[in-house]
mmCIF file of all heavy atoms, coordinates in Angstrom:
data_MODEL
# 
_entry.id   MODEL 
# 
loop_
_atom_site.group_PDB 
_atom_site.id 
_atom_site.type_symbol 
_atom_site.label_atom_id 
_atom_site.label_alt_id 
_atom_site.label_comp_id 
_atom_site.label_asym_id 
_atom_site.label_entity_id 
_atom_site.label_seq_id 
_atom_site.pdbx_PDB_ins_code 
_atom_site.Cartn_x 
_atom_site.Cartn_y 
_atom_site.Cartn_z 
_atom_site.occupancy 
_atom_site.B_iso_or_equiv 
_atom_site.pdbx_formal_charge 
_atom_site.auth_seq_id 
_atom_site.auth_comp_id 
_atom_site.auth_asym_id 
_atom_site.auth_atom_id 
_atom_site.pdbx_PDB_model_num 
ATOM 1   N N   . ILE A 1 1  ? -31.301 25.945 -41.368 1.00 0.00 ? 1  ILE A N   1 
ATOM 2   C CA  . ILE A 1 1  ? -30.120 25.262 -41.986 1.00 0.00 ? 1  ILE A CA  1 
ATOM 3   C C   . ILE A 1 1  ? -28.943 26.236 -42.067 1.00 0.00 ? 1  ILE A C   1 
ATOM 4   O O   . ILE A 1 1  ? -29.158 27.433 -42.022 1.00 0.00 ? 1  ILE A O   1 
ATOM 5   C CB  . ILE A 1 1  ? -30.469 24.740 -43.385 1.00 0.00 ? 1  ILE A CB  1 
ATOM 6   C CG1 . ILE A 1 1  ? -30.972 25.890 -44.256 1.00 0.00 ? 1  ILE A CG1 1 
ATOM 7   C CG2 . ILE A 1 1  ? -31.501 23.627 -43.277 1.00 0.00 ? 1  ILE A CG2 1 
ATOM 8   C CD1 . ILE A 1 1  ? -31.183 25.472 -45.678 1.00 0.00 ? 1  ILE A CD1 1 
ATOM 9   N N   . PRO A 1 2  ? -27.761 25.691 -42.115 1.00 0.00 ? 2  PRO A N   1 
ATOM 10  C CA  . PRO A 1 2  ? -26.601 26.593 -42.298 1.00 0.00 ? 2  PRO A CA  1 
ATOM 11  C C   . PRO A 1 2  ? -26.747 27.517 -43.507 1.00 0.00 ? 2  PRO A C   1 
ATOM 12  O O   . PRO A 1 2  ? -27.148 27.019 -44.598 1.00 0.00 ? 2  PRO A O   1 
ATOM 13  C CB  . PRO A 1 2  ? -25.410 25.571 -42.487 1.00 0.00 ? 2  PRO A CB  1 
ATOM 14  C CG  . PRO A 1 2  ? -25.847 24.363 -41.802 1.00 0.00 ? 2  PRO A CG  1 
ATOM 15  C CD  . PRO A 1 2  ? -27.376 24.256 -41.983 1.00 0.00 ? 2  PRO A CD  1 
ATOM 16  N N   . GLY A 1 3  ? -26.566 28.760 -43.256 1.00 0.00 ? 3  GLY A N   1 
ATOM 17  C CA  . GLY A 1 3  ? -26.716 29.719 -44.396 1.00 0.00 ? 3  GLY A CA  1 
ATOM 18  C C   . GLY A 1 3  ? -28.074 30.331 -44.435 1.00 0.00 ? 3  GLY A C   1 
ATOM 19  O O   . GLY A 1 3  ? -28.342 31.260 -45.238 1.00 0.00 ? 3  GLY A O   1 
ATOM 20  N N   . SER A 1 4  ? -29.033 29.830 -43.640 1.00 0.00 ? 4  SER A N   1 
ATOM 21  C CA  . SER A 1 4  ? -30.426 30.336 -43.748 1.00 0.00 ? 4  SER A CA  1 
ATOM 22  C C   . SER A 1 4  ? -30.485 31.824 -43.380 1.00 0.00 ? 4  SER A C   1 
ATOM 23  O O   . SER A 1 4  ? -31.290 32.565 -43.856 1.00 0.00 ? 4  SER A O   1 
ATOM 24  C CB  . SER A 1 4  ? -31.377 29.555 -42.831 1.00 0.00 ? 4  SER A CB  1 
ATOM 25  O OG  . SER A 1 4  ? -30.996 29.619 -41.470 1.00 0.00 ? 4  SER A OG  1 
ATOM 26  N N   . LYS A 1 5  ? -29.586 32.271 -42.444 1.00 0.00 ? 5  LYS A N   1 
ATOM 27  C CA  . LYS A 1 5  ? -29.631 33.666 -42.018 1.00 0.00 ? 5  LYS A CA  1 
ATOM 28  C C   . LYS A 1 5  ? -29.295 34.582 -43.227 1.00 0.00 ? 5  LYS A C   1 
ATOM 29  O O   . LYS A 1 5  ? -29.806 35.712 -43.343 1.00 0.00 ? 5  LYS A O   1 
ATOM 30  C CB  . LYS A 1 5  ? -28.682 33.954 -40.873 1.00 0.00 ? 5  LYS A CB  1 
ATOM 31  C CG  . LYS A 1 5  ? -27.212 33.765 -41.127 1.00 0.00 ? 5  LYS A CG  1 
ATOM 32  C CD  . LYS A 1 5  ? -26.416 34.053 -39.872 1.00 0.00 ? 5  LYS A CD  1 
ATOM 33  C CE  . LYS A 1 5  ? -24.934 33.919 -40.158 1.00 0.00 ? 5  LYS A CE  1 
ATOM 34  N NZ  . LYS A 1 5  ? -24.134 34.254 -38.948 1.00 0.00 ? 5  LYS A NZ  1 
ATOM 35  N N   . TYR A 1 6  ? -28.410 34.057 -44.171 1.00 0.00 ? 6  TYR A N   1 
ATOM 36  C CA  . TYR A 1 6  ? -28.058 34.837 -45.313 1.00 0.00 ? 6  TYR A CA  1 
ATOM 37  C C   . TYR A 1 6  ? -29.282 34.965 -46.305 1.00 0.00 ? 6  TYR A C   1 
ATOM 38  O O   . TYR A 1 6  ? -29.510 35.964 -46.948 1.00 0.00 ? 6  TYR A O   1 
ATOM 39  C CB  . TYR A 1 6  ? -26.862 34.262 -46.003 1.00 0.00 ? 6  TYR A CB  1 
ATOM 40  C CG  . TYR A 1 6  ? -25.630 34.275 -45.107 1.00 0.00 ? 6  TYR A CG  1 
ATOM 41  C CD1 . TYR A 1 6  ? -25.148 33.031 -44.600 1.00 0.00 ? 6  TYR A CD1 1 
ATOM 42  C CD2 . TYR A 1 6  ? -25.025 35.449 -44.717 1.00 0.00 ? 6  TYR A CD2 1 
ATOM 43  C CE1 . TYR A 1 6  ? -24.040 33.022 -43.775 1.00 0.00 ? 6  TYR A CE1 1 
ATOM 44  C CE2 . TYR A 1 6  ? -23.930 35.444 -43.869 1.00 0.00 ? 6  TYR A CE2 1 
ATOM 45  C CZ  . TYR A 1 6  ? -23.411 34.200 -43.430 1.00 0.00 ? 6  TYR A CZ  1 
ATOM 46  O OH  . TYR A 1 6  ? -22.361 34.232 -42.578 1.00 0.00 ? 6  TYR A OH  1 
ATOM 47  N N   . LEU A 1 7  ? -29.973 33.819 -46.383 1.00 0.00 ? 7  LEU A N   1 
ATOM 48  C CA  . LEU A 1 7  ? -31.216 33.867 -47.222 1.00 0.00 ? 7  LEU A CA  1 
ATOM 49  C C   . LEU A 1 7  ? -32.226 34.859 -46.683 1.00 0.00 ? 7  LEU A C   1 
ATOM 50  O O   . LEU A 1 7  ? -32.835 35.626 -47.425 1.00 0.00 ? 7  LEU A O   1 
ATOM 51  C CB  . LEU A 1 7  ? -31.817 32.445 -47.283 1.00 0.00 ? 7  LEU A CB  1 
ATOM 52  C CG  . LEU A 1 7  ? -33.132 32.302 -48.096 1.00 0.00 ? 7  LEU A CG  1 
ATOM 53  C CD1 . LEU A 1 7  ? -32.929 32.747 -49.511 1.00 0.00 ? 7  LEU A CD1 1 
ATOM 54  C CD2 . LEU A 1 7  ? -33.671 30.886 -48.038 1.00 0.00 ? 7  LEU A CD2 1 
ATOM 55  N N   . LEU A 1 8  ? -32.440 34.833 -45.327 1.00 0.00 ? 8  LEU A N   1 
ATOM 56  C CA  . LEU A 1 8  ? -33.402 35.738 -44.767 1.00 0.00 ? 8  LEU A CA  1 
ATOM 57  C C   . LEU A 1 8  ? -32.919 37.217 -44.929 1.00 0.00 ? 8  LEU A C   1 
ATOM 58  O O   . LEU A 1 8  ? -33.785 38.067 -45.171 1.00 0.00 ? 8  LEU A O   1 
ATOM 59  C CB  . LEU A 1 8  ? -33.544 35.440 -43.234 1.00 0.00 ? 8  LEU A CB  1 
ATOM 60  C CG  . LEU A 1 8  ? -34.254 34.132 -42.933 1.00 0.00 ? 8  LEU A CG  1 
ATOM 61  C CD1 . LEU A 1 8  ? -34.289 33.836 -41.444 1.00 0.00 ? 8  LEU A CD1 1 
ATOM 62  C CD2 . LEU A 1 8  ? -35.735 34.172 -43.437 1.00 0.00 ? 8  LEU A CD2 1 
ATOM 63  N N   . TYR A 1 9  ? -31.654 37.452 -44.828 1.00 0.00 ? 9  TYR A N   1 
ATOM 64  C CA  . TYR A 1 9  ? -31.107 38.775 -45.116 1.00 0.00 ? 9  TYR A CA  1 
ATOM 65  C C   . TYR A 1 9  ? -31.437 39.222 -46.535 1.00 0.00 ? 9  TYR A C   1 
ATOM 66  O O   . TYR A 1 9  ? -31.893 40.347 -46.784 1.00 0.00 ? 9  TYR A O   1 
ATOM 67  C CB  . TYR A 1 9  ? -29.614 38.828 -44.873 1.00 0.00 ? 9  TYR A CB  1 
ATOM 68  C CG  . TYR A 1 9  ? -28.963 40.164 -45.059 1.00 0.00 ? 9  TYR A CG  1 
ATOM 69  C CD1 . TYR A 1 9  ? -28.902 41.097 -44.035 1.00 0.00 ? 9  TYR A CD1 1 
ATOM 70  C CD2 . TYR A 1 9  ? -28.485 40.513 -46.335 1.00 0.00 ? 9  TYR A CD2 1 
ATOM 71  C CE1 . TYR A 1 9  ? -28.398 42.355 -44.252 1.00 0.00 ? 9  TYR A CE1 1 
ATOM 72  C CE2 . TYR A 1 9  ? -27.888 41.782 -46.554 1.00 0.00 ? 9  TYR A CE2 1 
ATOM 73  C CZ  . TYR A 1 9  ? -27.867 42.697 -45.523 1.00 0.00 ? 9  TYR A CZ  1 
ATOM 74  O OH  . TYR A 1 9  ? -27.316 43.923 -45.720 1.00 0.00 ? 9  TYR A OH  1 
ATOM 75  N N   . PHE A 1 10 ? -31.247 38.282 -47.466 1.00 0.00 ? 10 PHE A N   1 
ATOM 76  C CA  . PHE A 1 10 ? -31.560 38.519 -48.886 1.00 0.00 ? 10 PHE A CA  1 
ATOM 77  C C   . PHE A 1 10 ? -33.034 38.873 -49.040 1.00 0.00 ? 10 PHE A C   1 
ATOM 78  O O   . PHE A 1 10 ? -33.376 39.845 -49.735 1.00 0.00 ? 10 PHE A O   1 
ATOM 79  C CB  . PHE A 1 10 ? -31.230 37.321 -49.690 1.00 0.00 ? 10 PHE A CB  1 
ATOM 80  C CG  . PHE A 1 10 ? -31.640 37.400 -51.119 1.00 0.00 ? 10 PHE A CG  1 
ATOM 81  C CD1 . PHE A 1 10 ? -30.939 38.095 -52.072 1.00 0.00 ? 10 PHE A CD1 1 
ATOM 82  C CD2 . PHE A 1 10 ? -32.844 36.711 -51.477 1.00 0.00 ? 10 PHE A CD2 1 
ATOM 83  C CE1 . PHE A 1 10 ? -31.363 38.114 -53.388 1.00 0.00 ? 10 PHE A CE1 1 
ATOM 84  C CE2 . PHE A 1 10 ? -33.272 36.767 -52.846 1.00 0.00 ? 10 PHE A CE2 1 
ATOM 85  C CZ  . PHE A 1 10 ? -32.496 37.439 -53.752 1.00 0.00 ? 10 PHE A CZ  1 
ATOM 86  N N   . VAL A 1 11 ? -33.887 38.102 -48.435 1.00 0.00 ? 11 VAL A N   1 
ATOM 87  C CA  . VAL A 1 11 ? -35.298 38.310 -48.520 1.00 0.00 ? 11 VAL A CA  1 
ATOM 88  C C   . VAL A 1 11 ? -35.729 39.672 -47.939 1.00 0.00 ? 11 VAL A C   1 
ATOM 89  O O   . VAL A 1 11 ? -36.480 40.455 -48.540 1.00 0.00 ? 11 VAL A O   1 
ATOM 90  C CB  . VAL A 1 11 ? -36.075 37.194 -47.770 1.00 0.00 ? 11 VAL A CB  1 
ATOM 91  C CG1 . VAL A 1 11 ? -37.545 37.464 -47.732 1.00 0.00 ? 11 VAL A CG1 1 
ATOM 92  C CG2 . VAL A 1 11 ? -35.868 35.857 -48.479 1.00 0.00 ? 11 VAL A CG2 1 
ATOM 93  N N   . GLU A 1 12 ? -35.211 39.998 -46.783 1.00 0.00 ? 12 GLU A N   1 
ATOM 94  C CA  . GLU A 1 12 ? -35.583 41.255 -46.098 1.00 0.00 ? 12 GLU A CA  1 
ATOM 95  C C   . GLU A 1 12 ? -35.155 42.443 -46.903 1.00 0.00 ? 12 GLU A C   1 
ATOM 96  O O   . GLU A 1 12 ? -35.824 43.446 -46.941 1.00 0.00 ? 12 GLU A O   1 
ATOM 97  C CB  . GLU A 1 12 ? -34.980 41.272 -44.709 1.00 0.00 ? 12 GLU A CB  1 
ATOM 98  C CG  . GLU A 1 12 ? -35.527 40.295 -43.716 1.00 0.00 ? 12 GLU A CG  1 
ATOM 99  C CD  . GLU A 1 12 ? -34.764 40.220 -42.408 1.00 0.00 ? 12 GLU A CD  1 
ATOM 100 O OE1 . GLU A 1 12 ? -33.907 41.113 -42.162 1.00 0.00 ? 12 GLU A OE1 1 
ATOM 101 O OE2 . GLU A 1 12 ? -34.921 39.267 -41.701 1.00 0.00 ? 12 GLU A OE2 1 
ATOM 102 N N   . HIS A 1 13 ? -33.999 42.326 -47.609 1.00 0.00 ? 13 HIS A N   1 
ATOM 103 C CA  . HIS A 1 13 ? -33.432 43.552 -48.260 1.00 0.00 ? 13 HIS A CA  1 
ATOM 104 C C   . HIS A 1 13 ? -33.734 43.616 -49.733 1.00 0.00 ? 13 HIS A C   1 
ATOM 105 O O   . HIS A 1 13 ? -33.684 44.697 -50.304 1.00 0.00 ? 13 HIS A O   1 
ATOM 106 C CB  . HIS A 1 13 ? -31.915 43.615 -47.961 1.00 0.00 ? 13 HIS A CB  1 
ATOM 107 C CG  . HIS A 1 13 ? -31.583 43.918 -46.564 1.00 0.00 ? 13 HIS A CG  1 
ATOM 108 N ND1 . HIS A 1 13 ? -31.598 42.976 -45.606 1.00 0.00 ? 13 HIS A ND1 1 
ATOM 109 C CD2 . HIS A 1 13 ? -31.263 45.103 -45.977 1.00 0.00 ? 13 HIS A CD2 1 
ATOM 110 C CE1 . HIS A 1 13 ? -31.242 43.550 -44.453 1.00 0.00 ? 13 HIS A CE1 1 
ATOM 111 N NE2 . HIS A 1 13 ? -31.054 44.800 -44.622 1.00 0.00 ? 13 HIS A NE2 1 
ATOM 112 N N   . VAL A 1 14 ? -33.976 42.485 -50.359 1.00 0.00 ? 14 VAL A N   1 
ATOM 113 C CA  . VAL A 1 14 ? -34.288 42.476 -51.788 1.00 0.00 ? 14 VAL A CA  1 
ATOM 114 C C   . VAL A 1 14 ? -35.745 42.395 -52.059 1.00 0.00 ? 14 VAL A C   1 
ATOM 115 O O   . VAL A 1 14 ? -36.278 42.949 -53.051 1.00 0.00 ? 14 VAL A O   1 
ATOM 116 C CB  . VAL A 1 14 ? -33.511 41.337 -52.468 1.00 0.00 ? 14 VAL A CB  1 
ATOM 117 C CG1 . VAL A 1 14 ? -33.824 41.291 -54.006 1.00 0.00 ? 14 VAL A CG1 1 
ATOM 118 C CG2 . VAL A 1 14 ? -32.009 41.492 -52.213 1.00 0.00 ? 14 VAL A CG2 1 
ATOM 119 N N   . GLY A 1 15 ? -36.479 41.696 -51.178 1.00 0.00 ? 15 GLY A N   1 
ATOM 120 C CA  . GLY A 1 15 ? -37.915 41.631 -51.335 1.00 0.00 ? 15 GLY A CA  1 
ATOM 121 C C   . GLY A 1 15 ? -38.490 40.225 -51.572 1.00 0.00 ? 15 GLY A C   1 
ATOM 122 O O   . GLY A 1 15 ? -37.862 39.346 -52.060 1.00 0.00 ? 15 GLY A O   1 
ATOM 123 N N   . PHE A 1 16 ? -39.738 40.118 -51.154 1.00 0.00 ? 16 PHE A N   1 
ATOM 124 C CA  . PHE A 1 16 ? -40.396 38.787 -51.259 1.00 0.00 ? 16 PHE A CA  1 
ATOM 125 C C   . PHE A 1 16 ? -40.598 38.282 -52.668 1.00 0.00 ? 16 PHE A C   1 
ATOM 126 O O   . PHE A 1 16 ? -40.474 37.108 -52.955 1.00 0.00 ? 16 PHE A O   1 
ATOM 127 C CB  . PHE A 1 16 ? -41.728 38.860 -50.516 1.00 0.00 ? 16 PHE A CB  1 
ATOM 128 C CG  . PHE A 1 16 ? -42.460 37.557 -50.432 1.00 0.00 ? 16 PHE A CG  1 
ATOM 129 C CD1 . PHE A 1 16 ? -41.957 36.598 -49.557 1.00 0.00 ? 16 PHE A CD1 1 
ATOM 130 C CD2 . PHE A 1 16 ? -43.587 37.294 -51.145 1.00 0.00 ? 16 PHE A CD2 1 
ATOM 131 C CE1 . PHE A 1 16 ? -42.558 35.348 -49.480 1.00 0.00 ? 16 PHE A CE1 1 
ATOM 132 C CE2 . PHE A 1 16 ? -44.186 36.037 -51.038 1.00 0.00 ? 16 PHE A CE2 1 
ATOM 133 C CZ  . PHE A 1 16 ? -43.705 35.099 -50.191 1.00 0.00 ? 16 PHE A CZ  1 
ATOM 134 N N   . PRO A 1 17 ? -40.956 39.131 -53.668 1.00 0.00 ? 17 PRO A N   1 
ATOM 135 C CA  . PRO A 1 17 ? -41.122 38.589 -55.031 1.00 0.00 ? 17 PRO A CA  1 
ATOM 136 C C   . PRO A 1 17 ? -39.901 37.857 -55.572 1.00 0.00 ? 17 PRO A C   1 
ATOM 137 O O   . PRO A 1 17 ? -39.977 36.810 -56.143 1.00 0.00 ? 17 PRO A O   1 
ATOM 138 C CB  . PRO A 1 17 ? -41.423 39.874 -55.823 1.00 0.00 ? 17 PRO A CB  1 
ATOM 139 C CG  . PRO A 1 17 ? -41.977 40.792 -54.846 1.00 0.00 ? 17 PRO A CG  1 
ATOM 140 C CD  . PRO A 1 17 ? -41.282 40.550 -53.599 1.00 0.00 ? 17 PRO A CD  1 
ATOM 141 N N   . LEU A 1 18 ? -38.701 38.455 -55.317 1.00 0.00 ? 18 LEU A N   1 
ATOM 142 C CA  . LEU A 1 18 ? -37.478 37.741 -55.763 1.00 0.00 ? 18 LEU A CA  1 
ATOM 143 C C   . LEU A 1 18 ? -37.204 36.533 -54.984 1.00 0.00 ? 18 LEU A C   1 
ATOM 144 O O   . LEU A 1 18 ? -36.689 35.540 -55.468 1.00 0.00 ? 18 LEU A O   1 
ATOM 145 C CB  . LEU A 1 18 ? -36.262 38.741 -55.706 1.00 0.00 ? 18 LEU A CB  1 
ATOM 146 C CG  . LEU A 1 18 ? -36.187 39.792 -56.794 1.00 0.00 ? 18 LEU A CG  1 
ATOM 147 C CD1 . LEU A 1 18 ? -34.993 40.648 -56.558 1.00 0.00 ? 18 LEU A CD1 1 
ATOM 148 C CD2 . LEU A 1 18 ? -36.119 39.115 -58.148 1.00 0.00 ? 18 LEU A CD2 1 
ATOM 149 N N   . TYR A 1 19 ? -37.610 36.544 -53.723 1.00 0.00 ? 19 TYR A N   1 
ATOM 150 C CA  . TYR A 1 19 ? -37.497 35.340 -52.873 1.00 0.00 ? 19 TYR A CA  1 
ATOM 151 C C   . TYR A 1 19 ? -38.326 34.215 -53.466 1.00 0.00 ? 19 TYR A C   1 
ATOM 152 O O   . TYR A 1 19 ? -37.889 33.050 -53.583 1.00 0.00 ? 19 TYR A O   1 
ATOM 153 C CB  . TYR A 1 19 ? -37.984 35.682 -51.435 1.00 0.00 ? 19 TYR A CB  1 
ATOM 154 C CG  . TYR A 1 19 ? -38.288 34.457 -50.562 1.00 0.00 ? 19 TYR A CG  1 
ATOM 155 C CD1 . TYR A 1 19 ? -37.254 33.739 -50.025 1.00 0.00 ? 19 TYR A CD1 1 
ATOM 156 C CD2 . TYR A 1 19 ? -39.593 34.068 -50.336 1.00 0.00 ? 19 TYR A CD2 1 
ATOM 157 C CE1 . TYR A 1 19 ? -37.537 32.616 -49.218 1.00 0.00 ? 19 TYR A CE1 1 
ATOM 158 C CE2 . TYR A 1 19 ? -39.866 33.037 -49.551 1.00 0.00 ? 19 TYR A CE2 1 
ATOM 159 C CZ  . TYR A 1 19 ? -38.832 32.280 -48.991 1.00 0.00 ? 19 TYR A CZ  1 
ATOM 160 O OH  . TYR A 1 19 ? -39.123 31.188 -48.217 1.00 0.00 ? 19 TYR A OH  1 
ATOM 161 N N   . GLY A 1 20 ? -39.549 34.530 -53.871 1.00 0.00 ? 20 GLY A N   1 
ATOM 162 C CA  . GLY A 1 20 ? -40.422 33.545 -54.469 1.00 0.00 ? 20 GLY A CA  1 
ATOM 163 C C   . GLY A 1 20 ? -39.812 32.961 -55.739 1.00 0.00 ? 20 GLY A C   1 
ATOM 164 O O   . GLY A 1 20 ? -39.854 31.769 -55.973 1.00 0.00 ? 20 GLY A O   1 
ATOM 165 N N   . PHE A 1 21 ? -39.296 33.833 -56.558 1.00 0.00 ? 21 PHE A N   1 
ATOM 166 C CA  . PHE A 1 21 ? -38.631 33.385 -57.795 1.00 0.00 ? 21 PHE A CA  1 
ATOM 167 C C   . PHE A 1 21 ? -37.503 32.481 -57.492 1.00 0.00 ? 21 PHE A C   1 
ATOM 168 O O   . PHE A 1 21 ? -37.256 31.469 -58.114 1.00 0.00 ? 21 PHE A O   1 
ATOM 169 C CB  . PHE A 1 21 ? -38.170 34.619 -58.606 1.00 0.00 ? 21 PHE A CB  1 
ATOM 170 C CG  . PHE A 1 21 ? -37.349 34.250 -59.826 1.00 0.00 ? 21 PHE A CG  1 
ATOM 171 C CD1 . PHE A 1 21 ? -37.903 33.753 -60.974 1.00 0.00 ? 21 PHE A CD1 1 
ATOM 172 C CD2 . PHE A 1 21 ? -35.934 34.419 -59.752 1.00 0.00 ? 21 PHE A CD2 1 
ATOM 173 C CE1 . PHE A 1 21 ? -37.127 33.418 -62.070 1.00 0.00 ? 21 PHE A CE1 1 
ATOM 174 C CE2 . PHE A 1 21 ? -35.165 34.083 -60.840 1.00 0.00 ? 21 PHE A CE2 1 
ATOM 175 C CZ  . PHE A 1 21 ? -35.735 33.602 -61.994 1.00 0.00 ? 21 PHE A CZ  1 
ATOM 176 N N   . PHE A 1 22 ? -36.649 32.856 -56.489 1.00 0.00 ? 22 PHE A N   1 
ATOM 177 C CA  . PHE A 1 22 ? -35.491 32.088 -56.086 1.00 0.00 ? 22 PHE A CA  1 
ATOM 178 C C   . PHE A 1 22 ? -35.886 30.695 -55.617 1.00 0.00 ? 22 PHE A C   1 
ATOM 179 O O   . PHE A 1 22 ? -35.259 29.713 -55.999 1.00 0.00 ? 22 PHE A O   1 
ATOM 180 C CB  . PHE A 1 22 ? -34.791 32.863 -54.931 1.00 0.00 ? 22 PHE A CB  1 
ATOM 181 C CG  . PHE A 1 22 ? -33.559 32.184 -54.417 1.00 0.00 ? 22 PHE A CG  1 
ATOM 182 C CD1 . PHE A 1 22 ? -32.446 31.960 -55.194 1.00 0.00 ? 22 PHE A CD1 1 
ATOM 183 C CD2 . PHE A 1 22 ? -33.530 31.804 -53.060 1.00 0.00 ? 22 PHE A CD2 1 
ATOM 184 C CE1 . PHE A 1 22 ? -31.294 31.380 -54.664 1.00 0.00 ? 22 PHE A CE1 1 
ATOM 185 C CE2 . PHE A 1 22 ? -32.395 31.168 -52.550 1.00 0.00 ? 22 PHE A CE2 1 
ATOM 186 C CZ  . PHE A 1 22 ? -31.326 30.942 -53.370 1.00 0.00 ? 22 PHE A CZ  1 
ATOM 187 N N   . VAL A 1 23 ? -36.940 30.629 -54.856 1.00 0.00 ? 23 VAL A N   1 
ATOM 188 C CA  . VAL A 1 23 ? -37.391 29.284 -54.344 1.00 0.00 ? 23 VAL A CA  1 
ATOM 189 C C   . VAL A 1 23 ? -37.878 28.465 -55.465 1.00 0.00 ? 23 VAL A C   1 
ATOM 190 O O   . VAL A 1 23 ? -37.600 27.232 -55.547 1.00 0.00 ? 23 VAL A O   1 
ATOM 191 C CB  . VAL A 1 23 ? -38.479 29.514 -53.267 1.00 0.00 ? 23 VAL A CB  1 
ATOM 192 C CG1 . VAL A 1 23 ? -39.175 28.182 -52.927 1.00 0.00 ? 23 VAL A CG1 1 
ATOM 193 C CG2 . VAL A 1 23 ? -37.851 30.123 -51.956 1.00 0.00 ? 23 VAL A CG2 1 
ATOM 194 N N   . ARG A 1 24 ? -38.714 29.050 -56.358 1.00 0.00 ? 24 ARG A N   1 
ATOM 195 C CA  . ARG A 1 24 ? -39.257 28.274 -57.493 1.00 0.00 ? 24 ARG A CA  1 
ATOM 196 C C   . ARG A 1 24 ? -38.119 27.711 -58.387 1.00 0.00 ? 24 ARG A C   1 
ATOM 197 O O   . ARG A 1 24 ? -38.162 26.640 -58.849 1.00 0.00 ? 24 ARG A O   1 
ATOM 198 C CB  . ARG A 1 24 ? -40.206 29.133 -58.328 1.00 0.00 ? 24 ARG A CB  1 
ATOM 199 C CG  . ARG A 1 24 ? -41.534 29.366 -57.643 1.00 0.00 ? 24 ARG A CG  1 
ATOM 200 C CD  . ARG A 1 24 ? -42.573 29.962 -58.605 1.00 0.00 ? 24 ARG A CD  1 
ATOM 201 N NE  . ARG A 1 24 ? -42.154 31.237 -59.134 1.00 0.00 ? 24 ARG A NE  1 
ATOM 202 C CZ  . ARG A 1 24 ? -42.405 32.410 -58.532 1.00 0.00 ? 24 ARG A CZ  1 
ATOM 203 N NH1 . ARG A 1 24 ? -43.075 32.438 -57.436 1.00 0.00 ? 24 ARG A NH1 1 
ATOM 204 N NH2 . ARG A 1 24 ? -41.967 33.542 -59.079 1.00 0.00 ? 24 ARG A NH2 1 
ATOM 205 N N   . LEU A 1 25 ? -37.099 28.546 -58.503 1.00 0.00 ? 25 LEU A N   1 
ATOM 206 C CA  . LEU A 1 25 ? -35.925 28.140 -59.360 1.00 0.00 ? 25 LEU A CA  1 
ATOM 207 C C   . LEU A 1 25 ? -35.245 26.904 -58.697 1.00 0.00 ? 25 LEU A C   1 
ATOM 208 O O   . LEU A 1 25 ? -34.931 25.954 -59.392 1.00 0.00 ? 25 LEU A O   1 
ATOM 209 C CB  . LEU A 1 25 ? -34.983 29.285 -59.486 1.00 0.00 ? 25 LEU A CB  1 
ATOM 210 C CG  . LEU A 1 25 ? -33.791 29.079 -60.437 1.00 0.00 ? 25 LEU A CG  1 
ATOM 211 C CD1 . LEU A 1 25 ? -34.303 28.991 -61.863 1.00 0.00 ? 25 LEU A CD1 1 
ATOM 212 C CD2 . LEU A 1 25 ? -32.852 30.304 -60.349 1.00 0.00 ? 25 LEU A CD2 1 
ATOM 213 N N   . LEU A 1 26 ? -35.011 26.962 -57.379 1.00 0.00 ? 26 LEU A N   1 
ATOM 214 C CA  . LEU A 1 26 ? -34.399 25.875 -56.714 1.00 0.00 ? 26 LEU A CA  1 
ATOM 215 C C   . LEU A 1 26 ? -35.207 24.560 -56.647 1.00 0.00 ? 26 LEU A C   1 
ATOM 216 O O   . LEU A 1 26 ? -34.665 23.495 -56.583 1.00 0.00 ? 26 LEU A O   1 
ATOM 217 C CB  . LEU A 1 26 ? -34.019 26.280 -55.263 1.00 0.00 ? 26 LEU A CB  1 
ATOM 218 C CG  . LEU A 1 26 ? -32.865 27.263 -55.143 1.00 0.00 ? 26 LEU A CG  1 
ATOM 219 C CD1 . LEU A 1 26 ? -32.678 27.690 -53.690 1.00 0.00 ? 26 LEU A CD1 1 
ATOM 220 C CD2 . LEU A 1 26 ? -31.568 26.720 -55.617 1.00 0.00 ? 26 LEU A CD2 1 
# 
């Protein structure tokens, strides 16, 4: 989806645990 590359950048540089929290929040 539009903007997904920014999400992947966030995941790669901030880490998977925060990614999981981000997804659960959404």
